[in-house]
Amino acid sequence: MEKTMADLKAKEKEIKEALQKEREQLKETYNDILSRLKTEGEKLQGDIQKEYKNARKYVEKNPETGLGVALAGGLLIGFAIAKLLRK
């Protein structure tokens, strides 16, 4: 019986160590993914700001086209919303 208890204690210790190792690996992977997402988010935000500035410059140079695109976009969104609300 004592041998069995010693075996169980050893197995328990082994399982706890394995779980701790897995927990640490998961935490490391989580932090790595979080870091990558943050980097990509910052890059995407910079790209969006750059494109926004380019669009503003284009509309300032071509106000008629900008107005036409805004009107067309508004109409499309209006039709889409109206269609969704009819269902």
PDB file of N, CA and C in Angstrom:
ATOM      1  N   MET A   1       0.823  -1.193   0.000  1.00  0.00           N
ATOM      2  CA  MET A   1       0.000   0.000   0.000  1.00  0.00           C
ATOM      3  C   MET A   1       0.865   1.254   0.000  1.00  0.00           C
ATOM      4  N   GLU A   2       1.970   1.234   0.754  1.00  0.00           N
ATOM      5  CA  GLU A   2       2.852   2.404   0.800  1.00  0.00           C
ATOM      6  C   GLU A   2       3.479   2.677  -0.558  1.00  0.00           C
ATOM      7  N   LYS A   3       3.817   1.598  -1.252  1.00  0.00           N
ATOM      8  CA  LYS A   3       4.396   1.777  -2.582  1.00  0.00           C
ATOM      9  C   LYS A   3       3.388   2.442  -3.516  1.00  0.00           C
ATOM     10  N   THR A   4       2.155   2.073  -3.401  1.00  0.00           N
ATOM     11  CA  THR A   4       1.101   2.643  -4.222  1.00  0.00           C
ATOM     12  C   THR A   4       0.919   4.128  -3.896  1.00  0.00           C
ATOM     13  N   MET A   5       0.952   4.477  -2.630  1.00  0.00           N
ATOM     14  CA  MET A   5       0.821   5.885  -2.242  1.00  0.00           C
ATOM     15  C   MET A   5       2.010   6.698  -2.765  1.00  0.00           C
ATOM     16  N   ALA A   6       3.198   6.129  -2.674  1.00  0.00           N
ATOM     17  CA  ALA A   6       4.392   6.816  -3.173  1.00  0.00           C
ATOM     18  C   ALA A   6       4.300   6.987  -4.679  1.00  0.00           C
ATOM     19  N   ASP A   7       3.802   5.960  -5.354  1.00  0.00           N
ATOM     20  CA  ASP A   7       3.626   6.052  -6.808  1.00  0.00           C
ATOM     21  C   ASP A   7       2.602   7.126  -7.164  1.00  0.00           C
ATOM     22  N   LEU A   8       1.523   7.173  -6.389  1.00  0.00           N
ATOM     23  CA  LEU A   8       0.491   8.175  -6.642  1.00  0.00           C
ATOM     24  C   LEU A   8       1.019   9.590  -6.400  1.00  0.00           C
ATOM     25  N   LYS A   9       1.791   9.761  -5.335  1.00  0.00           N
ATOM     26  CA  LYS A   9       2.374  11.076  -5.040  1.00  0.00           C
ATOM     27  C   LYS A   9       3.329  11.491  -6.148  1.00  0.00           C
ATOM     28  N   ALA A  10       4.134  10.558  -6.643  1.00  0.00           N
ATOM     29  CA  ALA A  10       5.081  10.851  -7.727  1.00  0.00           C
ATOM     30  C   ALA A  10       4.324  11.210  -9.001  1.00  0.00           C
ATOM     31  N   LYS A  11       3.264  10.463  -9.265  1.00  0.00           N
ATOM     32  CA  LYS A  11       2.459  10.736 -10.467  1.00  0.00           C
ATOM     33  C   LYS A  11       1.776  12.091 -10.354  1.00  0.00           C
ATOM     34  N   GLU A  12       1.272  12.410  -9.155  1.00  0.00           N
ATOM     35  CA  GLU A  12       0.630  13.699  -8.925  1.00  0.00           C
ATOM     36  C   GLU A  12       1.622  14.840  -9.174  1.00  0.00           C
ATOM     37  N   LYS A  13       2.829  14.689  -8.658  1.00  0.00           N
ATOM     38  CA  LYS A  13       3.862  15.709  -8.852  1.00  0.00           C
ATOM     39  C   LYS A  13       4.193  15.862 -10.337  1.00  0.00           C
ATOM     40  N   GLU A  14       4.296  14.740 -11.028  1.00  0.00           N
ATOM     41  CA  GLU A  14       4.605  14.749 -12.462  1.00  0.00           C
ATOM     42  C   GLU A  14       3.508  15.469 -13.249  1.00  0.00           C
ATOM     43  N   ILE A  15       2.261  15.193 -12.905  1.00  0.00           N
ATOM     44  CA  ILE A  15       1.126  15.834 -13.594  1.00  0.00           C
ATOM     45  C   ILE A  15       1.101  17.333 -13.311  1.00  0.00           C
ATOM     46  N   LYS A  16       1.339  17.721 -12.068  1.00  0.00           N
ATOM     47  CA  LYS A  16       1.357  19.143 -11.719  1.00  0.00           C
ATOM     48  C   LYS A  16       2.454  19.877 -12.482  1.00  0.00           C
ATOM     49  N   GLU A  17       3.626  19.263 -12.584  1.00  0.00           N
ATOM     50  CA  GLU A  17       4.729  19.884 -13.323  1.00  0.00           C
ATOM     51  C   GLU A  17       4.388  20.019 -14.798  1.00  0.00           C
ATOM     52  N   ALA A  18       3.763  18.973 -15.358  1.00  0.00           N
ATOM     53  CA  ALA A  18       3.372  19.022 -16.773  1.00  0.00           C
ATOM     54  C   ALA A  18       2.335  20.121 -17.002  1.00  0.00           C
ATOM     55  N   LEU A  19       1.366  20.224 -16.089  1.00  0.00           N
ATOM     56  CA  LEU A  19       0.343  21.267 -16.215  1.00  0.00           C
ATOM     57  C   LEU A  19       0.951  22.660 -16.111  1.00  0.00           C
ATOM     58  N   GLN A  20       1.888  22.831 -15.194  1.00  0.00           N
ATOM     59  CA  GLN A  20       2.546  24.130 -15.034  1.00  0.00           C
ATOM     60  C   GLN A  20       3.313  24.505 -16.303  1.00  0.00           C
ATOM     61  N   LYS A  21       3.990  23.515 -16.877  1.00  0.00           N
ATOM     62  CA  LYS A  21       4.740  23.752 -18.116  1.00  0.00           C
ATOM     63  C   LYS A  21       3.791  24.151 -19.250  1.00  0.00           C
ATOM     64  N   GLU A  22       2.676  23.442 -19.364  1.00  0.00           N
ATOM     65  CA  GLU A  22       1.686  23.767 -20.398  1.00  0.00           C
ATOM     66  C   GLU A  22       1.103  25.158 -20.179  1.00  0.00           C
ATOM     67  N   ARG A  23       0.828  25.501 -18.938  1.00  0.00           N
ATOM     68  CA  ARG A  23       0.281  26.814 -18.602  1.00  0.00           C
ATOM     69  C   ARG A  23       1.253  27.915 -19.025  1.00  0.00           C
ATOM     70  N   GLU A  24       2.544  27.704 -18.751  1.00  0.00           N
ATOM     71  CA  GLU A  24       3.554  28.695 -19.124  1.00  0.00           C
ATOM     72  C   GLU A  24       3.670  28.833 -20.634  1.00  0.00           C
ATOM     73  N   GLN A  25       3.598  27.688 -21.338  1.00  0.00           N
ATOM     74  CA  GLN A  25       3.664  27.737 -22.801  1.00  0.00           C
ATOM     75  C   GLN A  25       2.447  28.448 -23.381  1.00  0.00           C
ATOM     76  N   LEU A  26       1.276  28.196 -22.829  1.00  0.00           N
ATOM     77  CA  LEU A  26       0.069  28.873 -23.299  1.00  0.00           C
ATOM     78  C   LEU A  26       0.150  30.378 -23.051  1.00  0.00           C
ATOM     79  N   LYS A  27       0.654  30.750 -21.890  1.00  0.00           N
ATOM     80  CA  LYS A  27       0.792  32.165 -21.567  1.00  0.00           C
ATOM     81  C   LYS A  27       1.762  32.839 -22.527  1.00  0.00           C
ATOM     82  N   GLU A  28       2.860  32.158 -22.840  1.00  0.00           N
ATOM     83  CA  GLU A  28       3.850  32.700 -23.776  1.00  0.00           C
ATOM     84  C   GLU A  28       3.250  32.855 -25.174  1.00  0.00           C
ATOM     85  N   THR A  29       2.516  31.850 -25.612  1.00  0.00           N
ATOM     86  CA  THR A  29       1.871  31.905 -26.929  1.00  0.00           C
ATOM     87  C   THR A  29       0.836  33.027 -26.970  1.00  0.00           C
ATOM     88  N   TYR A  30       0.041  33.149 -25.917  1.00  0.00           N
ATOM     89  CA  TYR A  30      -0.966  34.202 -25.829  1.00  0.00           C
ATOM     90  C   TYR A  30      -0.304  35.578 -25.928  1.00  0.00           C
ATOM     91  N   ASN A  31       0.764  35.786 -25.172  1.00  0.00           N
ATOM     92  CA  ASN A  31       1.457  37.070 -25.200  1.00  0.00           C
ATOM     93  C   ASN A  31       2.061  37.356 -26.566  1.00  0.00           C
ATOM     94  N   ASP A  32       2.563  36.319 -27.236  1.00  0.00           N
ATOM     95  CA  ASP A  32       3.121  36.482 -28.578  1.00  0.00           C
ATOM     96  C   ASP A  32       2.028  36.898 -29.564  1.00  0.00           C
ATOM     97  N   ILE A  33       0.890  36.234 -29.495  1.00  0.00           N
ATOM     98  CA  ILE A  33      -0.227  36.572 -30.390  1.00  0.00           C
ATOM     99  C   ILE A  33      -0.733  37.984 -30.105  1.00  0.00           C
ATOM    100  N   LEU A  34      -0.833  38.328 -28.844  1.00  0.00           N
ATOM    101  CA  LEU A  34      -1.279  39.664 -28.463  1.00  0.00           C
ATOM    102  C   LEU A  34      -0.331  40.735 -28.997  1.00  0.00           C
ATOM    103  N   SER A  35       0.950  40.475 -28.914  1.00  0.00           N
ATOM    104  CA  SER A  35       1.953  41.412 -29.416  1.00  0.00           C
ATOM    105  C   SER A  35       1.841  41.571 -30.935  1.00  0.00           C
ATOM    106  N   ARG A  36       1.665  40.449 -31.620  1.00  0.00           N
ATOM    107  CA  ARG A  36       1.523  40.508 -33.087  1.00  0.00           C
ATOM    108  C   ARG A  36       0.273  41.281 -33.490  1.00  0.00           C
ATOM    109  N   LEU A  37      -0.835  41.024 -32.788  1.00  0.00           N
ATOM    110  CA  LEU A  37      -2.075  41.743 -33.094  1.00  0.00           C
ATOM    111  C   LEU A  37      -1.929  43.241 -32.862  1.00  0.00           C
ATOM    112  N   LYS A  38      -1.241  43.603 -31.806  1.00  0.00           N
ATOM    113  CA  LYS A  38      -1.030  45.017 -31.511  1.00  0.00           C
ATOM    114  C   LYS A  38      -0.208  45.670 -32.620  1.00  0.00           C
ATOM    115  N   THR A  39       0.856  44.989 -33.050  1.00  0.00           N
ATOM    116  CA  THR A  39       1.697  45.516 -34.124  1.00  0.00           C
ATOM    117  C   THR A  39       0.909  45.674 -35.418  1.00  0.00           C
ATOM    118  N   GLU A  40       0.137  44.642 -35.769  1.00  0.00           N
ATOM    119  CA  GLU A  40      -0.662  44.704 -36.997  1.00  0.00           C
ATOM    120  C   GLU A  40      -1.746  45.772 -36.897  1.00  0.00           C
ATOM    121  N   GLY A  41      -2.342  45.913 -35.721  1.00  0.00           N
ATOM    122  CA  GLY A  41      -3.362  46.945 -35.528  1.00  0.00           C
ATOM    123  C   GLY A  41      -2.798  48.342 -35.714  1.00  0.00           C
ATOM    124  N   GLU A  42      -1.613  48.561 -35.171  1.00  0.00           N
ATOM    125  CA  GLU A  42      -0.968  49.868 -35.325  1.00  0.00           C
ATOM    126  C   GLU A  42      -0.630  50.132 -36.789  1.00  0.00           C
ATOM    127  N   LYS A  43      -0.160  49.096 -37.482  1.00  0.00           N
ATOM    128  CA  LYS A  43       0.162  49.239 -38.912  1.00  0.00           C
ATOM    129  C   LYS A  43      -1.104  49.551 -39.712  1.00  0.00           C
ATOM    130  N   LEU A  44      -2.168  48.823 -39.421  1.00  0.00           N
ATOM    131  CA  LEU A  44      -3.437  49.037 -40.122  1.00  0.00           C
ATOM    132  C   LEU A  44      -3.985  50.431 -39.849  1.00  0.00           C
ATOM    133  N   GLN A  45      -3.876  50.885 -38.614  1.00  0.00           N
ATOM    134  CA  GLN A  45      -4.351  52.219 -38.264  1.00  0.00           C
ATOM    135  C   GLN A  45      -3.570  53.281 -39.036  1.00  0.00           C
ATOM    136  N   GLY A  46      -2.259  53.094 -39.147  1.00  0.00           N
ATOM    137  CA  GLY A  46      -1.439  54.030 -39.918  1.00  0.00           C
ATOM    138  C   GLY A  46      -1.828  54.041 -41.385  1.00  0.00           C
ATOM    139  N   ASP A  47      -2.088  52.850 -41.948  1.00  0.00           N
ATOM    140  CA  ASP A  47      -2.500  52.751 -43.353  1.00  0.00           C
ATOM    141  C   ASP A  47      -3.841  53.435 -43.583  1.00  0.00           C
ATOM    142  N   ILE A  48      -4.772  53.242 -42.653  1.00  0.00           N
ATOM    143  CA  ILE A  48      -6.090  53.854 -42.783  1.00  0.00           C
ATOM    144  C   ILE A  48      -5.985  55.378 -42.722  1.00  0.00           C
ATOM    145  N   GLN A  49      -5.177  55.888 -41.804  1.00  0.00           N
ATOM    146  CA  GLN A  49      -4.999  57.336 -41.695  1.00  0.00           C
ATOM    147  C   GLN A  49      -4.378  57.902 -42.968  1.00  0.00           C
ATOM    148  N   LYS A  50      -3.429  57.173 -43.525  1.00  0.00           N
ATOM    149  CA  LYS A  50      -2.784  57.611 -44.771  1.00  0.00           C
ATOM    150  C   LYS A  50      -3.805  57.667 -45.911  1.00  0.00           C
ATOM    151  N   GLU A  51      -4.629  56.622 -46.036  1.00  0.00           N
ATOM    152  CA  GLU A  51      -5.636  56.601 -47.096  1.00  0.00           C
ATOM    153  C   GLU A  51      -6.705  57.674 -46.877  1.00  0.00           C
ATOM    154  N   TYR A  52      -7.048  57.944 -45.634  1.00  0.00           N
ATOM    155  CA  TYR A  52      -8.010  59.000 -45.328  1.00  0.00           C
ATOM    156  C   TYR A  52      -7.474  60.358 -45.788  1.00  0.00           C
ATOM    157  N   LYS A  53      -6.203  60.606 -45.501  1.00  0.00           N
ATOM    158  CA  LYS A  53      -5.592  61.869 -45.923  1.00  0.00           C
ATOM    159  C   LYS A  53      -5.567  61.975 -47.446  1.00  0.00           C
ATOM    160  N   ASN A  54      -5.246  60.855 -48.117  1.00  0.00           N
ATOM    161  CA  ASN A  54      -5.236  60.859 -49.581  1.00  0.00           C
ATOM    162  C   ASN A  54      -6.635  61.126 -50.143  1.00  0.00           C
ATOM    163  N   ALA A  55      -7.652  60.533 -49.524  1.00  0.00           N
ATOM    164  CA  ALA A  55      -9.026  60.744 -49.988  1.00  0.00           C
ATOM    165  C   ALA A  55      -9.439  62.201 -49.796  1.00  0.00           C
ATOM    166  N   ARG A  56      -9.066  62.776 -48.656  1.00  0.00           N
ATOM    167  CA  ARG A  56      -9.404  64.192 -48.411  1.00  0.00           C
ATOM    168  C   ARG A  56      -8.741  65.097 -49.442  1.00  0.00           C
ATOM    169  N   LYS A  57      -7.478  64.833 -49.755  1.00  0.00           N
ATOM    170  CA  LYS A  57      -6.771  65.631 -50.758  1.00  0.00           C
ATOM    171  C   LYS A  57      -7.459  65.502 -52.118  1.00  0.00           C
ATOM    172  N   TYR A  58      -7.868  64.268 -52.460  1.00  0.00           N
ATOM    173  CA  TYR A  58      -8.530  64.053 -53.743  1.00  0.00           C
ATOM    174  C   TYR A  58      -9.847  64.817 -53.808  1.00  0.00           C
ATOM    175  N   VAL A  59     -10.625  64.770 -52.732  1.00  0.00           N
ATOM    176  CA  VAL A  59     -11.918  65.452 -52.714  1.00  0.00           C
ATOM    177  C   VAL A  59     -11.718  66.966 -52.763  1.00  0.00           C
ATOM    178  N   GLU A  60     -10.673  67.470 -52.129  1.00  0.00           N
ATOM    179  CA  GLU A  60     -10.403  68.907 -52.198  1.00  0.00           C
ATOM    180  C   GLU A  60     -10.077  69.336 -53.619  1.00  0.00           C
ATOM    181  N   LYS A  61      -9.382  68.477 -54.368  1.00  0.00           N
ATOM    182  CA  LYS A  61      -9.032  68.806 -55.760  1.00  0.00           C
ATOM    183  C   LYS A  61     -10.195  68.546 -56.711  1.00  0.00           C
ATOM    184  N   ASN A  62     -11.050  67.582 -56.369  1.00  0.00           N
ATOM    185  CA  ASN A  62     -12.164  67.187 -57.241  1.00  0.00           C
ATOM    186  C   ASN A  62     -13.464  67.137 -56.432  1.00  0.00           C
ATOM    187  N   PRO A  63     -13.999  68.286 -56.035  1.00  0.00           N
ATOM    188  CA  PRO A  63     -15.187  68.285 -55.168  1.00  0.00           C
ATOM    189  C   PRO A  63     -16.422  67.669 -55.824  1.00  0.00           C
ATOM    190  N   GLU A  64     -16.572  67.820 -57.142  1.00  0.00           N
ATOM    191  CA  GLU A  64     -17.752  67.275 -57.806  1.00  0.00           C
ATOM    192  C   GLU A  64     -17.744  65.753 -57.745  1.00  0.00           C
ATOM    193  N   THR A  65     -16.593  65.161 -57.995  1.00  0.00           N
ATOM    194  CA  THR A  65     -16.484  63.703 -57.949  1.00  0.00           C
ATOM    195  C   THR A  65     -16.720  63.213 -56.522  1.00  0.00           C
ATOM    196  N   GLY A  66     -16.145  63.904 -55.556  1.00  0.00           N
ATOM    197  CA  GLY A  66     -16.334  63.527 -54.152  1.00  0.00           C
ATOM    198  C   GLY A  66     -17.794  63.578 -53.762  1.00  0.00           C
ATOM    199  N   LEU A  67     -18.484  64.607 -54.202  1.00  0.00           N
ATOM    200  CA  LEU A  67     -19.906  64.740 -53.900  1.00  0.00           C
ATOM    201  C   LEU A  67     -20.704  63.622 -54.563  1.00  0.00           C
ATOM    202  N   GLY A  68     -20.353  63.295 -55.794  1.00  0.00           N
ATOM    203  CA  GLY A  68     -21.039  62.209 -56.510  1.00  0.00           C
ATOM    204  C   GLY A  68     -20.842  60.866 -55.833  1.00  0.00           C
ATOM    205  N   VAL A  69     -19.620  60.601 -55.399  1.00  0.00           N
ATOM    206  CA  VAL A  69     -19.341  59.332 -54.722  1.00  0.00           C
ATOM    207  C   VAL A  69     -20.090  59.270 -53.387  1.00  0.00           C
ATOM    208  N   ALA A  70     -20.112  60.369 -52.652  1.00  0.00           N
ATOM    209  CA  ALA A  70     -20.829  60.410 -51.377  1.00  0.00           C
ATOM    210  C   ALA A  70     -22.325  60.199 -51.604  1.00  0.00           C
ATOM    211  N   LEU A  71     -22.875  60.820 -52.634  1.00  0.00           N
ATOM    212  CA  LEU A  71     -24.291  60.651 -52.945  1.00  0.00           C
ATOM    213  C   LEU A  71     -24.606  59.207 -53.310  1.00  0.00           C
ATOM    214  N   ALA A  72     -23.774  58.625 -54.172  1.00  0.00           N
ATOM    215  CA  ALA A  72     -23.996  57.231 -54.587  1.00  0.00           C
ATOM    216  C   ALA A  72     -23.880  56.295 -53.382  1.00  0.00           C
ATOM    217  N   GLY A  73     -22.886  56.518 -52.553  1.00  0.00           N
ATOM    218  CA  GLY A  73     -22.716  55.677 -51.359  1.00  0.00           C
ATOM    219  C   GLY A  73     -23.902  55.804 -50.427  1.00  0.00           C
ATOM    220  N   GLY A  74     -24.385  57.015 -50.239  1.00  0.00           N
ATOM    221  CA  GLY A  74     -25.546  57.237 -49.382  1.00  0.00           C
ATOM    222  C   GLY A  74     -26.787  56.550 -49.917  1.00  0.00           C
ATOM    223  N   LEU A  75     -26.974  56.627 -51.224  1.00  0.00           N
ATOM    224  CA  LEU A  75     -28.124  55.954 -51.830  1.00  0.00           C
ATOM    225  C   LEU A  75     -28.038  54.437 -51.664  1.00  0.00           C
ATOM    226  N   LEU A  76     -26.865  53.880 -51.902  1.00  0.00           N
ATOM    227  CA  LEU A  76     -26.698  52.433 -51.757  1.00  0.00           C
ATOM    228  C   LEU A  76     -26.947  51.986 -50.317  1.00  0.00           C
ATOM    229  N   ILE A  77     -26.434  52.722 -49.381  1.00  0.00           N
ATOM    230  CA  ILE A  77     -26.649  52.374 -47.974  1.00  0.00           C
ATOM    231  C   ILE A  77     -28.124  52.525 -47.621  1.00  0.00           C
ATOM    232  N   GLY A  78     -28.764  53.569 -48.127  1.00  0.00           N
ATOM    233  CA  GLY A  78     -30.191  53.779 -47.876  1.00  0.00           C
ATOM    234  C   GLY A  78     -31.037  52.644 -48.430  1.00  0.00           C
ATOM    235  N   PHE A  79     -30.740  52.215 -49.674  1.00  0.00           N
ATOM    236  CA  PHE A  79     -31.485  51.098 -50.266  1.00  0.00           C
ATOM    237  C   PHE A  79     -31.249  49.815 -49.475  1.00  0.00           C
ATOM    238  N   ALA A  80     -30.017  49.581 -49.056  1.00  0.00           N
ATOM    239  CA  ALA A  80     -29.706  48.368 -48.297  1.00  0.00           C
ATOM    240  C   ALA A  80     -30.452  48.359 -46.963  1.00  0.00           C
ATOM    241  N   ILE A  81     -30.468  49.469 -46.279  1.00  0.00           N
ATOM    242  CA  ILE A  81     -31.172  49.560 -44.993  1.00  0.00           C
ATOM    243  C   ILE A  81     -32.672  49.379 -45.198  1.00  0.00           C
ATOM    244  N   ALA A  82     -33.206  50.017 -46.240  1.00  0.00           N
ATOM    245  CA  ALA A  82     -34.640  49.891 -46.517  1.00  0.00           C
ATOM    246  C   ALA A  82     -35.005  48.439 -46.827  1.00  0.00           C
ATOM    247  N   LYS A  83     -34.156  47.753 -47.561  1.00  0.00           N
ATOM    248  CA  LYS A  83     -34.423  46.358 -47.902  1.00  0.00           C
ATOM    249  C   LYS A  83     -34.365  45.490 -46.654  1.00  0.00           C
ATOM    250  N   LEU A  84     -33.426  45.740 -45.780  1.00  0.00           N
ATOM    251  CA  LEU A  84     -33.307  44.976 -44.535  1.00  0.00           C
ATOM    252  C   LEU A  84     -34.507  45.199 -43.633  1.00  0.00           C
ATOM    253  N   LEU A  85     -35.018  46.421 -43.602  1.00  0.00           N
ATOM    254  CA  LEU A  85     -36.135  46.754 -42.715  1.00  0.00           C
ATOM    255  C   LEU A  85     -37.460  46.191 -43.236  1.00  0.00           C
ATOM    256  N   ARG A  86     -37.551  45.915 -44.520  1.00  0.00           N
ATOM    257  CA  ARG A  86     -38.776  45.373 -45.095  1.00  0.00           C
ATOM    258  C   ARG A  86     -38.978  43.909 -44.756  1.00  0.00           C
ATOM    259  N   LYS A  87     -37.905  43.200 -44.437  1.00  0.00           N
ATOM    260  CA  LYS A  87     -38.002  41.745 -44.186  1.00  0.00           C
ATOM    261  C   LYS A  87     -38.674  41.448 -42.898  1.00  0.00           C
TER     262      LYS A  87
END
